[in-house]
C-alpha atoms as a PDB file:
ATOM      1  CA  MET A   1     -15.141  -0.714  32.472  1.00  0.00           C
ATOM      2  CA  THR A   2     -14.332  -2.466  29.046  1.00  0.00           C
ATOM      3  CA  ASP A   3     -11.744  -5.226  28.730  1.00  0.00           C
ATOM      4  CA  ASN A   4      -9.689  -3.030  26.488  1.00  0.00           C
ATOM      5  CA  MET A   5      -9.670   0.033  28.980  1.00  0.00           C
ATOM      6  CA  LYS A   6      -8.477  -2.637  31.791  1.00  0.00           C
ATOM      7  CA  GLU A   7      -5.823  -3.932  29.549  1.00  0.00           C
ATOM      8  CA  TRP A   8      -4.736  -0.317  28.794  1.00  0.00           C
ATOM      9  CA  ILE A   9      -4.594   0.489  32.617  1.00  0.00           C
ATOM     10  CA  GLU A  10      -2.640  -2.712  33.516  1.00  0.00           C
ATOM     11  CA  LYS A  11      -0.222  -2.158  30.744  1.00  0.00           C
ATOM     12  CA  TYR A  12       0.518   1.491  31.355  1.00  0.00           C
ATOM     13  CA  PHE A  13       0.424   1.610  35.034  1.00  0.00           C
ATOM     14  CA  SER A  14       1.991  -1.444  35.972  1.00  0.00           C
ATOM     15  CA  GLU A  15       5.419  -0.755  34.363  1.00  0.00           C
ATOM     16  CA  THR A  16       8.469   1.039  36.003  1.00  0.00           C
ATOM     17  CA  TRP A  17      10.224   3.481  33.966  1.00  0.00           C
ATOM     18  CA  LYS A  18      13.485   5.214  34.675  1.00  0.00           C
ATOM     19  CA  GLU A  19      14.726   8.380  32.779  1.00  0.00           C
ATOM     20  CA  ILE A  20      18.220   8.044  31.233  1.00  0.00           C
ATOM     21  CA  GLU A  21      20.502   9.654  28.969  1.00  0.00           C
ATOM     22  CA  THR A  22      21.774   7.802  25.916  1.00  0.00           C
ATOM     23  CA  ASP A  23      23.681   8.162  22.732  1.00  0.00           C
ATOM     24  CA  ILE A  24      21.089   5.808  20.815  1.00  0.00           C
ATOM     25  CA  ASP A  25      20.289   7.164  17.494  1.00  0.00           C
ATOM     26  CA  PHE A  26      16.445   6.333  17.487  1.00  0.00           C
ATOM     27  CA  SER A  27      16.119   7.418  14.071  1.00  0.00           C
ATOM     28  CA  LYS A  28      17.971   4.262  12.730  1.00  0.00           C
ATOM     29  CA  TYR A  29      14.874   2.262  14.462  1.00  0.00           C
ATOM     30  CA  LYS A  30      11.337   1.690  13.848  1.00  0.00           C
ATOM     31  CA  PRO A  31       8.998   2.274  16.913  1.00  0.00           C
ATOM     32  CA  ILE A  32       7.195  -0.972  18.057  1.00  0.00           C
ATOM     33  CA  SER A  33       4.306   1.348  19.123  1.00  0.00           C
ATOM     34  CA  THR A  34       3.058   5.056  19.167  1.00  0.00           C
ATOM     35  CA  SER A  35       0.560   6.648  21.121  1.00  0.00           C
ATOM     36  CA  GLU A  36      -0.463  10.404  22.001  1.00  0.00           C
ATOM     37  CA  SER A  37      -2.714  12.155  24.633  1.00  0.00           C
ATOM     38  CA  LEU A  38      -3.605  15.745  24.939  1.00  0.00           C
ATOM     39  CA  HIS A  39      -0.309  16.469  25.963  1.00  0.00           C
ATOM     40  CA  ILE A  40       2.313  13.773  25.226  1.00  0.00           C
ATOM     41  CA  TYR A  41       3.415  11.949  22.137  1.00  0.00           C
ATOM     42  CA  GLU A  42       4.932   8.402  22.855  1.00  0.00           C
ATOM     43  CA  GLU A  43       7.261   6.055  20.723  1.00  0.00           C
ATOM     44  CA  ARG A  44       8.338   2.778  22.006  1.00  0.00           C
ATOM     45  CA  TYR A  45      11.344   0.794  20.788  1.00  0.00           C
ATOM     46  CA  GLU A  46      12.746  -2.451  21.557  1.00  0.00           C
ATOM     47  CA  ILE A  47      16.636  -2.411  20.995  1.00  0.00           C
ATOM     48  CA  ASP A  48      18.944  -5.354  22.098  1.00  0.00           C
ATOM     49  CA  GLY A  49      16.231  -6.847  24.072  1.00  0.00           C
ATOM     50  CA  LYS A  50      15.583  -3.736  26.083  1.00  0.00           C
ATOM     51  CA  LYS A  51      12.541  -1.490  25.912  1.00  0.00           C
ATOM     52  CA  TYR A  52      12.931   2.135  25.602  1.00  0.00           C
ATOM     53  CA  ARG A  53      10.076   5.027  25.323  1.00  0.00           C
ATOM     54  CA  LEU A  54      10.376   8.572  23.949  1.00  0.00           C
ATOM     55  CA  LEU A  55       8.099  11.132  25.473  1.00  0.00           C
ATOM     56  CA  TYR A  56       7.499  14.220  23.412  1.00  0.00           C
ATOM     57  CA  PRO A  57       5.579  17.160  24.815  1.00  0.00           C
ATOM     58  CA  ILE A  58       2.776  17.940  22.277  1.00  0.00           C
ATOM     59  CA  ALA A  59       3.308  21.713  20.979  1.00  0.00           C
ATOM     60  CA  TYR A  60       6.848  22.253  22.160  1.00  0.00           C
ATOM     61  CA  ASN A  61       9.916  21.929  19.995  1.00  0.00           C
ATOM     62  CA  ARG A  62      12.255  20.105  22.294  1.00  0.00           C
ATOM     63  CA  GLU A  63      13.937  16.902  22.724  1.00  0.00           C
ATOM     64  CA  PRO A  64      12.002  13.996  24.123  1.00  0.00           C
ATOM     65  CA  SER A  65      12.426  12.367  27.523  1.00  0.00           C
ATOM     66  CA  ILE A  66      14.051   8.953  27.056  1.00  0.00           C
ATOM     67  CA  GLU A  67      13.189   6.272  29.447  1.00  0.00           C
ATOM     68  CA  ILE A  68      13.959   2.689  29.889  1.00  0.00           C
ATOM     69  CA  LEU A  69      11.801  -0.084  31.240  1.00  0.00           C
ATOM     70  CA  MET A  70      13.104  -1.568  34.579  1.00  0.00           C
END
Protein backbone atom coordinates (compact mmCIF):
# COMPACT_ATOMS: atom_id res chain seq x y z
CA MET A 1 0.00 0.00 0.00
CA THR A 2 1.37 3.42 -0.91
CA ASP A 3 1.93 6.20 1.62
CA ASN A 4 -0.71 8.30 -0.15
CA MET A 5 -3.26 5.52 0.17
CA LYS A 6 -2.46 5.07 3.89
CA GLU A 7 -2.82 8.82 4.45
CA TRP A 8 -6.18 8.85 2.65
CA ILE A 9 -7.48 5.91 4.70
CA GLU A 10 -6.37 7.50 7.97
CA LYS A 11 -7.93 10.84 7.05
CA TYR A 12 -11.30 9.60 5.80
CA PHE A 13 -11.90 6.70 8.16
CA SER A 14 -10.67 8.15 11.43
CA GLU A 15 -13.03 11.12 11.39
CA THR A 16 -16.41 11.16 13.11
CA TRP A 17 -19.10 13.16 11.32
CA LYS A 18 -22.65 13.92 12.45
CA GLU A 19 -25.45 14.86 10.07
CA ILE A 20 -27.00 18.22 10.93
CA GLU A 21 -29.48 20.76 9.66
CA THR A 22 -28.20 24.31 9.35
CA ASP A 23 -29.09 27.62 7.74
CA ILE A 24 -25.49 28.34 6.68
CA ASP A 25 -25.36 29.64 3.09
CA PHE A 26 -22.39 27.62 1.86
CA SER A 27 -22.43 29.50 -1.48
CA LYS A 28 -20.85 32.44 0.39
CA TYR A 29 -17.77 30.33 1.20
CA LYS A 30 -15.08 28.61 -0.80
CA PRO A 31 -14.56 24.88 -0.14
CA ILE A 32 -11.24 23.94 1.45
CA SER A 33 -11.34 20.66 -0.50
CA THR A 34 -13.46 18.71 -2.95
CA SER A 35 -13.46 15.05 -3.91
CA GLU A 36 -15.65 12.56 -5.68
CA SER A 37 -16.20 8.86 -6.11
CA LEU A 38 -18.51 6.90 -8.34
CA HIS A 39 -21.55 7.90 -6.30
CA ILE A 40 -20.71 10.92 -4.12
CA TYR A 41 -19.34 14.42 -4.66
CA GLU A 42 -17.96 16.00 -1.48
CA GLU A 43 -17.17 19.60 -0.56
CA ARG A 44 -15.50 20.49 2.76
CA TYR A 45 -15.66 23.88 4.42
CA GLU A 46 -14.09 25.43 7.50
CA ILE A 47 -16.35 28.11 8.98
CA ASP A 48 -15.74 29.79 12.33
CA GLY A 49 -13.28 27.07 13.33
CA LYS A 50 -15.71 24.21 12.59
CA LYS A 51 -15.43 21.76 9.69
CA TYR A 52 -18.42 20.85 7.56
CA ARG A 53 -18.87 18.55 4.61
CA LEU A 54 -21.60 18.52 2.01
CA LEU A 55 -22.27 15.20 0.31
CA TYR A 56 -24.06 15.24 -3.04
CA PRO A 57 -25.25 12.01 -4.66
CA ILE A 58 -23.96 12.03 -8.23
CA ALA A 59 -26.65 11.93 -10.95
CA TYR A 60 -29.42 13.02 -8.57
CA ASN A 61 -30.86 16.51 -8.32
CA ARG A 62 -31.35 16.93 -4.61
CA GLU A 63 -30.03 18.84 -1.63
CA PRO A 64 -26.77 17.62 -0.09
CA SER A 65 -26.40 15.88 3.22
CA ILE A 66 -24.65 18.33 5.60
CA GLU A 67 -22.36 16.99 8.31
CA ILE A 68 -20.14 18.51 10.99
CA LEU A 69 -16.86 17.06 12.22
CA MET A 70 -17.18 15.98 15.84
